[in-house]
């Protein structure tokens, strides 16, 4: 398992809390995919996660964004997107 940046650790905790995941934030590898074979999240989970991220970081994640597949590829890619765009 790779070492997490502080933001990746924060995002892992936010995911566990927002989605009521049956795992600890420490168990989430920042490089593992969020949907499908990775963590197994679905589109509803990603929508809920987007809302939690918007509240916490002031970033609007839109369902029709062409980059969503890249943004939501992993905790690491999500953290990079937040770092580049956050207002809070």
PDB file of N, CA and C in Angstrom:
ATOM      1  N   UNK A   1       0.846  -1.182   0.000  1.00  0.00           N
ATOM      2  CA  UNK A   1       0.000   0.000   0.000  1.00  0.00           C
ATOM      3  C   UNK A   1       0.886   1.239   0.000  1.00  0.00           C
ATOM      4  N   UNK A   2       0.570   2.209  -0.851  1.00  0.00           N
ATOM      5  CA  UNK A   2       1.390   3.408  -0.918  1.00  0.00           C
ATOM      6  C   UNK A   2       1.111   4.352   0.248  1.00  0.00           C
ATOM      7  N   UNK A   3       2.104   5.191   0.521  1.00  0.00           N
ATOM      8  CA  UNK A   3       1.969   6.183   1.577  1.00  0.00           C
ATOM      9  C   UNK A   3       1.057   7.299   1.096  1.00  0.00           C
ATOM     10  N   UNK A   4       0.171   7.758   1.977  1.00  0.00           N
ATOM     11  CA  UNK A   4      -0.781   8.799   1.597  1.00  0.00           C
ATOM     12  C   UNK A   4      -0.260  10.180   1.940  1.00  0.00           C
ATOM     13  N   UNK A   5      -0.619  11.133   1.099  1.00  0.00           N
ATOM     14  CA  UNK A   5      -0.383  12.537   1.427  1.00  0.00           C
ATOM     15  C   UNK A   5      -1.440  12.914   2.471  1.00  0.00           C
ATOM     16  N   UNK A   6      -1.262  14.034   3.167  1.00  0.00           N
ATOM     17  CA  UNK A   6      -2.288  14.452   4.132  1.00  0.00           C
ATOM     18  C   UNK A   6      -3.672  14.606   3.488  1.00  0.00           C
ATOM     19  N   UNK A   7      -3.731  15.150   2.274  1.00  0.00           N
ATOM     20  CA  UNK A   7      -5.021  15.319   1.605  1.00  0.00           C
ATOM     21  C   UNK A   7      -5.627  13.965   1.240  1.00  0.00           C
ATOM     22  N   UNK A   8      -4.810  13.022   0.793  1.00  0.00           N
ATOM     23  CA  UNK A   8      -5.329  11.679   0.467  1.00  0.00           C
ATOM     24  C   UNK A   8      -5.894  11.014   1.719  1.00  0.00           C
ATOM     25  N   UNK A   9      -5.224  11.186   2.847  1.00  0.00           N
ATOM     26  CA  UNK A   9      -5.718  10.622   4.112  1.00  0.00           C
ATOM     27  C   UNK A   9      -7.041  11.276   4.506  1.00  0.00           C
ATOM     28  N   UNK A  10      -7.117  12.594   4.321  1.00  0.00           N
ATOM     29  CA  UNK A  10      -8.347  13.338   4.627  1.00  0.00           C
ATOM     30  C   UNK A  10      -9.489  12.874   3.726  1.00  0.00           C
ATOM     31  N   UNK A  11      -9.202  12.693   2.435  1.00  0.00           N
ATOM     32  CA  UNK A  11     -10.212  12.228   1.486  1.00  0.00           C
ATOM     33  C   UNK A  11     -10.681  10.810   1.812  1.00  0.00           C
ATOM     34  N   UNK A  12      -9.752   9.950   2.213  1.00  0.00           N
ATOM     35  CA  UNK A  12     -10.121   8.582   2.583  1.00  0.00           C
ATOM     36  C   UNK A  12     -11.099   8.607   3.760  1.00  0.00           C
ATOM     37  N   UNK A  13     -10.813   9.445   4.751  1.00  0.00           N
ATOM     38  CA  UNK A  13     -11.701   9.563   5.910  1.00  0.00           C
ATOM     39  C   UNK A  13     -13.056  10.129   5.499  1.00  0.00           C
ATOM     40  N   UNK A  14     -13.047  11.121   4.611  1.00  0.00           N
ATOM     41  CA  UNK A  14     -14.296  11.708   4.125  1.00  0.00           C
ATOM     42  C   UNK A  14     -15.128  10.663   3.384  1.00  0.00           C
ATOM     43  N   UNK A  15     -14.481   9.833   2.574  1.00  0.00           N
ATOM     44  CA  UNK A  15     -15.190   8.786   1.836  1.00  0.00           C
ATOM     45  C   UNK A  15     -15.830   7.778   2.779  1.00  0.00           C
ATOM     46  N   UNK A  16     -15.075   7.331   3.776  1.00  0.00           N
ATOM     47  CA  UNK A  16     -15.599   6.342   4.722  1.00  0.00           C
ATOM     48  C   UNK A  16     -16.812   6.915   5.443  1.00  0.00           C
ATOM     49  N   UNK A  17     -16.703   8.191   5.850  1.00  0.00           N
ATOM     50  CA  UNK A  17     -17.801   8.824   6.581  1.00  0.00           C
ATOM     51  C   UNK A  17     -19.005   9.099   5.679  1.00  0.00           C
ATOM     52  N   UNK A  18     -18.771   9.729   4.532  1.00  0.00           N
ATOM     53  CA  UNK A  18     -19.868  10.134   3.643  1.00  0.00           C
ATOM     54  C   UNK A  18     -20.605   8.939   3.045  1.00  0.00           C
ATOM     55  N   UNK A  19     -19.882   7.854   2.786  1.00  0.00           N
ATOM     56  CA  UNK A  19     -20.482   6.701   2.111  1.00  0.00           C
ATOM     57  C   UNK A  19     -20.740   5.528   3.046  1.00  0.00           C
ATOM     58  N   UNK A  20     -20.471   5.715   4.330  1.00  0.00           N
ATOM     59  CA  UNK A  20     -20.645   4.634   5.312  1.00  0.00           C
ATOM     60  C   UNK A  20     -19.963   3.348   4.856  1.00  0.00           C
ATOM     61  N   UNK A  21     -18.722   3.474   4.405  1.00  0.00           N
ATOM     62  CA  UNK A  21     -17.989   2.302   3.931  1.00  0.00           C
ATOM     63  C   UNK A  21     -17.632   1.402   5.113  1.00  0.00           C
ATOM     64  N   UNK A  22     -17.624   0.132   4.872  1.00  0.00           N
ATOM     65  CA  UNK A  22     -17.293  -0.835   5.915  1.00  0.00           C
ATOM     66  C   UNK A  22     -15.804  -1.130   5.906  1.00  0.00           C
ATOM     67  N   UNK A  23     -15.015  -0.075   6.014  1.00  0.00           N
ATOM     68  CA  UNK A  23     -13.564  -0.182   6.076  1.00  0.00           C
ATOM     69  C   UNK A  23     -13.060   1.067   6.772  1.00  0.00           C
ATOM     70  N   UNK A  24     -11.799   1.049   7.136  1.00  0.00           N
ATOM     71  CA  UNK A  24     -11.213   2.233   7.765  1.00  0.00           C
ATOM     72  C   UNK A  24     -10.520   3.062   6.692  1.00  0.00           C
ATOM     73  N   UNK A  25     -10.328   4.355   6.945  1.00  0.00           N
ATOM     74  CA  UNK A  25      -9.619   5.173   5.956  1.00  0.00           C
ATOM     75  C   UNK A  25      -8.228   4.624   5.644  1.00  0.00           C
ATOM     76  N   UNK A  26      -7.583   4.020   6.634  1.00  0.00           N
ATOM     77  CA  UNK A  26      -6.240   3.465   6.443  1.00  0.00           C
ATOM     78  C   UNK A  26      -6.229   2.307   5.451  1.00  0.00           C
ATOM     79  N   UNK A  27      -7.354   1.646   5.283  1.00  0.00           N
ATOM     80  CA  UNK A  27      -7.436   0.498   4.364  1.00  0.00           C
ATOM     81  C   UNK A  27      -7.589   0.919   2.899  1.00  0.00           C
ATOM     82  N   UNK A  28      -7.823   2.191   2.649  1.00  0.00           N
ATOM     83  CA  UNK A  28      -8.010   2.666   1.279  1.00  0.00           C
ATOM     84  C   UNK A  28      -6.663   3.051   0.680  1.00  0.00           C
ATOM     85  N   UNK A  29      -6.256   2.298  -0.332  1.00  0.00           N
ATOM     86  CA  UNK A  29      -5.008   2.587  -1.046  1.00  0.00           C
ATOM     87  C   UNK A  29      -5.291   3.756  -1.996  1.00  0.00           C
ATOM     88  N   UNK A  30      -4.491   4.833  -1.933  1.00  0.00           N
ATOM     89  CA  UNK A  30      -4.763   5.998  -2.783  1.00  0.00           C
ATOM     90  C   UNK A  30      -4.643   5.723  -4.278  1.00  0.00           C
ATOM     91  N   UNK A  31      -3.994   4.627  -4.657  1.00  0.00           N
ATOM     92  CA  UNK A  31      -3.817   4.316  -6.077  1.00  0.00           C
ATOM     93  C   UNK A  31      -4.903   3.391  -6.637  1.00  0.00           C
ATOM     94  N   UNK A  32      -5.712   2.797  -5.779  1.00  0.00           N
ATOM     95  CA  UNK A  32      -6.734   1.843  -6.219  1.00  0.00           C
ATOM     96  C   UNK A  32      -7.926   2.599  -6.813  1.00  0.00           C
ATOM     97  N   UNK A  33      -8.501   2.045  -7.863  1.00  0.00           N
ATOM     98  CA  UNK A  33      -9.657   2.666  -8.504  1.00  0.00           C
ATOM     99  C   UNK A  33     -10.835   2.797  -7.555  1.00  0.00           C
ATOM    100  N   UNK A  34     -11.634   3.844  -7.751  1.00  0.00           N
ATOM    101  CA  UNK A  34     -12.771   4.083  -6.869  1.00  0.00           C
ATOM    102  C   UNK A  34     -13.994   3.256  -7.257  1.00  0.00           C
ATOM    103  N   UNK A  35     -14.163   2.977  -8.551  1.00  0.00           N
ATOM    104  CA  UNK A  35     -15.357   2.230  -8.952  1.00  0.00           C
ATOM    105  C   UNK A  35     -14.958   0.942  -9.650  1.00  0.00           C
ATOM    106  N   UNK A  36     -15.961   0.133  -9.911  1.00  0.00           N
ATOM    107  CA  UNK A  36     -15.674  -1.148 -10.557  1.00  0.00           C
ATOM    108  C   UNK A  36     -14.892  -2.073  -9.646  1.00  0.00           C
ATOM    109  N   UNK A  37     -13.804  -2.633 -10.169  1.00  0.00           N
ATOM    110  CA  UNK A  37     -13.023  -3.622  -9.429  1.00  0.00           C
ATOM    111  C   UNK A  37     -12.226  -3.033  -8.263  1.00  0.00           C
ATOM    112  N   UNK A  38     -12.074  -1.732  -8.225  1.00  0.00           N
ATOM    113  CA  UNK A  38     -11.334  -1.105  -7.131  1.00  0.00           C
ATOM    114  C   UNK A  38     -12.140  -1.159  -5.844  1.00  0.00           C
ATOM    115  N   UNK A  39     -12.583  -0.003  -5.388  1.00  0.00           N
ATOM    116  CA  UNK A  39     -13.386   0.059  -4.163  1.00  0.00           C
ATOM    117  C   UNK A  39     -14.834  -0.340  -4.408  1.00  0.00           C
ATOM    118  N   UNK A  40     -15.225  -0.435  -5.667  1.00  0.00           N
ATOM    119  CA  UNK A  40     -16.572  -0.890  -5.989  1.00  0.00           C
ATOM    120  C   UNK A  40     -17.645   0.170  -5.833  1.00  0.00           C
ATOM    121  N   UNK A  41     -17.267   1.453  -5.872  1.00  0.00           N
ATOM    122  CA  UNK A  41     -18.264   2.513  -5.761  1.00  0.00           C
ATOM    123  C   UNK A  41     -19.090   2.568  -7.038  1.00  0.00           C
ATOM    124  N   UNK A  42     -20.326   3.037  -6.909  1.00  0.00           N
ATOM    125  CA  UNK A  42     -21.181   3.197  -8.089  1.00  0.00           C
ATOM    126  C   UNK A  42     -21.457   4.683  -8.313  1.00  0.00           C
ATOM    127  N   UNK A  43     -22.274   4.989  -9.304  1.00  0.00           N
ATOM    128  CA  UNK A  43     -22.511   6.393  -9.662  1.00  0.00           C
ATOM    129  C   UNK A  43     -23.190   7.166  -8.532  1.00  0.00           C
ATOM    130  N   UNK A  44     -24.043   6.521  -7.766  1.00  0.00           N
ATOM    131  CA  UNK A  44     -24.691   7.185  -6.623  1.00  0.00           C
ATOM    132  C   UNK A  44     -23.651   7.517  -5.557  1.00  0.00           C
ATOM    133  N   UNK A  45     -22.737   6.583  -5.299  1.00  0.00           N
ATOM    134  CA  UNK A  45     -21.656   6.837  -4.339  1.00  0.00           C
ATOM    135  C   UNK A  45     -20.820   8.038  -4.785  1.00  0.00           C
ATOM    136  N   UNK A  46     -20.492   8.081  -6.073  1.00  0.00           N
ATOM    137  CA  UNK A  46     -19.666   9.173  -6.579  1.00  0.00           C
ATOM    138  C   UNK A  46     -20.404  10.504  -6.489  1.00  0.00           C
ATOM    139  N   UNK A  47     -21.721  10.483  -6.678  1.00  0.00           N
ATOM    140  CA  UNK A  47     -22.515  11.697  -6.529  1.00  0.00           C
ATOM    141  C   UNK A  47     -22.468  12.180  -5.073  1.00  0.00           C
ATOM    142  N   UNK A  48     -22.668  11.257  -4.129  1.00  0.00           N
ATOM    143  CA  UNK A  48     -22.610  11.617  -2.714  1.00  0.00           C
ATOM    144  C   UNK A  48     -21.215  12.131  -2.344  1.00  0.00           C
ATOM    145  N   UNK A  49     -20.193  11.495  -2.868  1.00  0.00           N
ATOM    146  CA  UNK A  49     -18.825  11.917  -2.607  1.00  0.00           C
ATOM    147  C   UNK A  49     -18.587  13.318  -3.181  1.00  0.00           C
ATOM    148  N   UNK A  50     -19.099  13.578  -4.373  1.00  0.00           N
ATOM    149  CA  UNK A  50     -18.974  14.903  -4.989  1.00  0.00           C
ATOM    150  C   UNK A  50     -19.589  15.977  -4.107  1.00  0.00           C
ATOM    151  N   UNK A  51     -20.758  15.690  -3.547  1.00  0.00           N
ATOM    152  CA  UNK A  51     -21.422  16.667  -2.672  1.00  0.00           C
ATOM    153  C   UNK A  51     -20.602  16.927  -1.416  1.00  0.00           C
ATOM    154  N   UNK A  52     -20.067  15.874  -0.824  1.00  0.00           N
ATOM    155  CA  UNK A  52     -19.241  16.021   0.378  1.00  0.00           C
ATOM    156  C   UNK A  52     -17.978  16.826   0.076  1.00  0.00           C
ATOM    157  N   UNK A  53     -17.374  16.582  -1.082  1.00  0.00           N
ATOM    158  CA  UNK A  53     -16.168  17.314  -1.484  1.00  0.00           C
ATOM    159  C   UNK A  53     -16.506  18.779  -1.744  1.00  0.00           C
ATOM    160  N   UNK A  54     -17.644  19.034  -2.394  1.00  0.00           N
ATOM    161  CA  UNK A  54     -18.058  20.411  -2.656  1.00  0.00           C
ATOM    162  C   UNK A  54     -18.218  21.190  -1.361  1.00  0.00           C
ATOM    163  N   UNK A  55     -18.861  20.548  -0.378  1.00  0.00           N
ATOM    164  CA  UNK A  55     -19.059  21.200   0.925  1.00  0.00           C
ATOM    165  C   UNK A  55     -17.744  21.486   1.620  1.00  0.00           C
ATOM    166  N   UNK A  56     -16.875  20.494   1.641  1.00  0.00           N
ATOM    167  CA  UNK A  56     -15.636  20.604   2.415  1.00  0.00           C
ATOM    168  C   UNK A  56     -14.580  21.480   1.745  1.00  0.00           C
ATOM    169  N   UNK A  57     -14.455  21.385   0.423  1.00  0.00           N
ATOM    170  CA  UNK A  57     -13.361  22.055  -0.274  1.00  0.00           C
ATOM    171  C   UNK A  57     -13.789  23.191  -1.200  1.00  0.00           C
ATOM    172  N   UNK A  58     -15.086  23.406  -1.353  1.00  0.00           N
ATOM    173  CA  UNK A  58     -15.555  24.487  -2.215  1.00  0.00           C
ATOM    174  C   UNK A  58     -15.330  24.228  -3.695  1.00  0.00           C
ATOM    175  N   UNK A  59     -15.320  22.967  -4.092  1.00  0.00           N
ATOM    176  CA  UNK A  59     -15.095  22.596  -5.495  1.00  0.00           C
ATOM    177  C   UNK A  59     -16.392  22.041  -6.069  1.00  0.00           C
ATOM    178  N   UNK A  60     -16.768  22.524  -7.220  1.00  0.00           N
ATOM    179  CA  UNK A  60     -17.938  21.983  -7.892  1.00  0.00           C
ATOM    180  C   UNK A  60     -17.497  20.861  -8.820  1.00  0.00           C
ATOM    181  N   UNK A  61     -17.950  19.661  -8.546  1.00  0.00           N
ATOM    182  CA  UNK A  61     -17.685  18.517  -9.421  1.00  0.00           C
ATOM    183  C   UNK A  61     -18.978  18.235 -10.166  1.00  0.00           C
ATOM    184  N   UNK A  62     -18.945  18.396 -11.473  1.00  0.00           N
ATOM    185  CA  UNK A  62     -20.161  18.278 -12.267  1.00  0.00           C
ATOM    186  C   UNK A  62     -20.283  16.893 -12.901  1.00  0.00           C
ATOM    187  N   UNK A  63     -21.498  16.396 -12.951  1.00  0.00           N
ATOM    188  CA  UNK A  63     -21.752  15.072 -13.516  1.00  0.00           C
ATOM    189  C   UNK A  63     -21.399  15.021 -15.004  1.00  0.00           C
ATOM    190  N   UNK A  64     -21.490  16.149 -15.689  1.00  0.00           N
ATOM    191  CA  UNK A  64     -21.246  16.153 -17.133  1.00  0.00           C
ATOM    192  C   UNK A  64     -19.808  16.555 -17.490  1.00  0.00           C
ATOM    193  N   UNK A  65     -18.915  16.594 -16.503  1.00  0.00           N
ATOM    194  CA  UNK A  65     -17.516  16.941 -16.766  1.00  0.00           C
ATOM    195  C   UNK A  65     -16.847  15.796 -17.514  1.00  0.00           C
ATOM    196  N   UNK A  66     -16.264  16.110 -18.652  1.00  0.00           N
ATOM    197  CA  UNK A  66     -15.611  15.089 -19.477  1.00  0.00           C
ATOM    198  C   UNK A  66     -14.417  14.451 -18.764  1.00  0.00           C
ATOM    199  N   UNK A  67     -13.859  15.141 -17.772  1.00  0.00           N
ATOM    200  CA  UNK A  67     -12.691  14.629 -17.051  1.00  0.00           C
ATOM    201  C   UNK A  67     -13.041  13.758 -15.847  1.00  0.00           C
ATOM    202  N   UNK A  68     -14.319  13.514 -15.593  1.00  0.00           N
ATOM    203  CA  UNK A  68     -14.707  12.773 -14.383  1.00  0.00           C
ATOM    204  C   UNK A  68     -14.036  11.409 -14.269  1.00  0.00           C
ATOM    205  N   UNK A  69     -13.882  10.728 -15.383  1.00  0.00           N
ATOM    206  CA  UNK A  69     -13.262   9.404 -15.315  1.00  0.00           C
ATOM    207  C   UNK A  69     -11.830   9.508 -14.792  1.00  0.00           C
ATOM    208  N   UNK A  70     -11.117  10.560 -15.201  1.00  0.00           N
ATOM    209  CA  UNK A  70      -9.755  10.787 -14.720  1.00  0.00           C
ATOM    210  C   UNK A  70      -9.784  11.284 -13.274  1.00  0.00           C
ATOM    211  N   UNK A  71     -10.663  12.236 -12.978  1.00  0.00           N
ATOM    212  CA  UNK A  71     -10.739  12.829 -11.634  1.00  0.00           C
ATOM    213  C   UNK A  71     -11.055  11.755 -10.595  1.00  0.00           C
ATOM    214  N   UNK A  72     -12.033  10.909 -10.886  1.00  0.00           N
ATOM    215  CA  UNK A  72     -12.479   9.891  -9.934  1.00  0.00           C
ATOM    216  C   UNK A  72     -11.788   8.545 -10.124  1.00  0.00           C
ATOM    217  N   UNK A  73     -10.656   8.525 -10.805  1.00  0.00           N
ATOM    218  CA  UNK A  73      -9.954   7.266 -11.038  1.00  0.00           C
ATOM    219  C   UNK A  73      -9.462   6.655  -9.727  1.00  0.00           C
ATOM    220  N   UNK A  74      -8.992   7.492  -8.788  1.00  0.00           N
ATOM    221  CA  UNK A  74      -8.456   7.001  -7.517  1.00  0.00           C
ATOM    222  C   UNK A  74      -8.469   8.136  -6.510  1.00  0.00           C
ATOM    223  N   UNK A  75      -8.184   7.822  -5.262  1.00  0.00           N
ATOM    224  CA  UNK A  75      -8.067   8.865  -4.238  1.00  0.00           C
ATOM    225  C   UNK A  75      -6.938   9.823  -4.618  1.00  0.00           C
ATOM    226  N   UNK A  76      -5.845   9.290  -5.152  1.00  0.00           N
ATOM    227  CA  UNK A  76      -4.706  10.123  -5.539  1.00  0.00           C
ATOM    228  C   UNK A  76      -5.099  11.122  -6.626  1.00  0.00           C
ATOM    229  N   UNK A  77      -5.827  10.681  -7.650  1.00  0.00           N
ATOM    230  CA  UNK A  77      -6.218  11.592  -8.731  1.00  0.00           C
ATOM    231  C   UNK A  77      -7.238  12.613  -8.241  1.00  0.00           C
ATOM    232  N   UNK A  78      -8.107  12.203  -7.348  1.00  0.00           N
ATOM    233  CA  UNK A  78      -9.085  13.121  -6.751  1.00  0.00           C
ATOM    234  C   UNK A  78      -8.363  14.181  -5.923  1.00  0.00           C
ATOM    235  N   UNK A  79      -7.367  13.771  -5.162  1.00  0.00           N
ATOM    236  CA  UNK A  79      -6.585  14.708  -4.348  1.00  0.00           C
ATOM    237  C   UNK A  79      -5.862  15.719  -5.242  1.00  0.00           C
ATOM    238  N   UNK A  80      -5.306  15.255  -6.364  1.00  0.00           N
ATOM    239  CA  UNK A  80      -4.615  16.164  -7.288  1.00  0.00           C
ATOM    240  C   UNK A  80      -5.584  17.206  -7.841  1.00  0.00           C
ATOM    241  N   UNK A  81      -6.783  16.764  -8.189  1.00  0.00           N
ATOM    242  CA  UNK A  81      -7.792  17.680  -8.729  1.00  0.00           C
ATOM    243  C   UNK A  81      -8.194  18.714  -7.677  1.00  0.00           C
ATOM    244  N   UNK A  82      -8.378  18.272  -6.454  1.00  0.00           N
ATOM    245  CA  UNK A  82      -8.758  19.197  -5.375  1.00  0.00           C
ATOM    246  C   UNK A  82      -7.646  20.203  -5.123  1.00  0.00           C
ATOM    247  N   UNK A  83      -6.406  19.732  -5.049  1.00  0.00           N
ATOM    248  CA  UNK A  83      -5.262  20.640  -4.843  1.00  0.00           C
ATOM    249  C   UNK A  83      -5.238  21.723  -5.915  1.00  0.00           C
ATOM    250  N   UNK A  84      -5.499  21.341  -7.148  1.00  0.00           N
ATOM    251  CA  UNK A  84      -5.418  22.286  -8.264  1.00  0.00           C
ATOM    252  C   UNK A  84      -6.581  23.270  -8.298  1.00  0.00           C
ATOM    253  N   UNK A  85      -7.713  22.913  -7.663  1.00  0.00           N
ATOM    254  CA  UNK A  85      -8.927  23.721  -7.828  1.00  0.00           C
ATOM    255  C   UNK A  85      -9.574  24.224  -6.551  1.00  0.00           C
ATOM    256  N   UNK A  86      -9.077  23.865  -5.399  1.00  0.00           N
ATOM    257  CA  UNK A  86      -9.822  24.202  -4.184  1.00  0.00           C
ATOM    258  C   UNK A  86      -9.803  25.689  -3.855  1.00  0.00           C
ATOM    259  N   UNK A  87     -10.897  26.103  -3.206  1.00  0.00           N
ATOM    260  CA  UNK A  87     -11.056  27.501  -2.815  1.00  0.00           C
ATOM    261  C   UNK A  87     -11.042  27.652  -1.300  1.00  0.00           C
ATOM    262  N   UNK A  88     -11.133  26.542  -0.567  1.00  0.00           N
ATOM    263  CA  UNK A  88     -11.155  26.600   0.907  1.00  0.00           C
ATOM    264  C   UNK A  88      -9.874  26.045   1.472  1.00  0.00           C
TER     265      UNK A  88
END
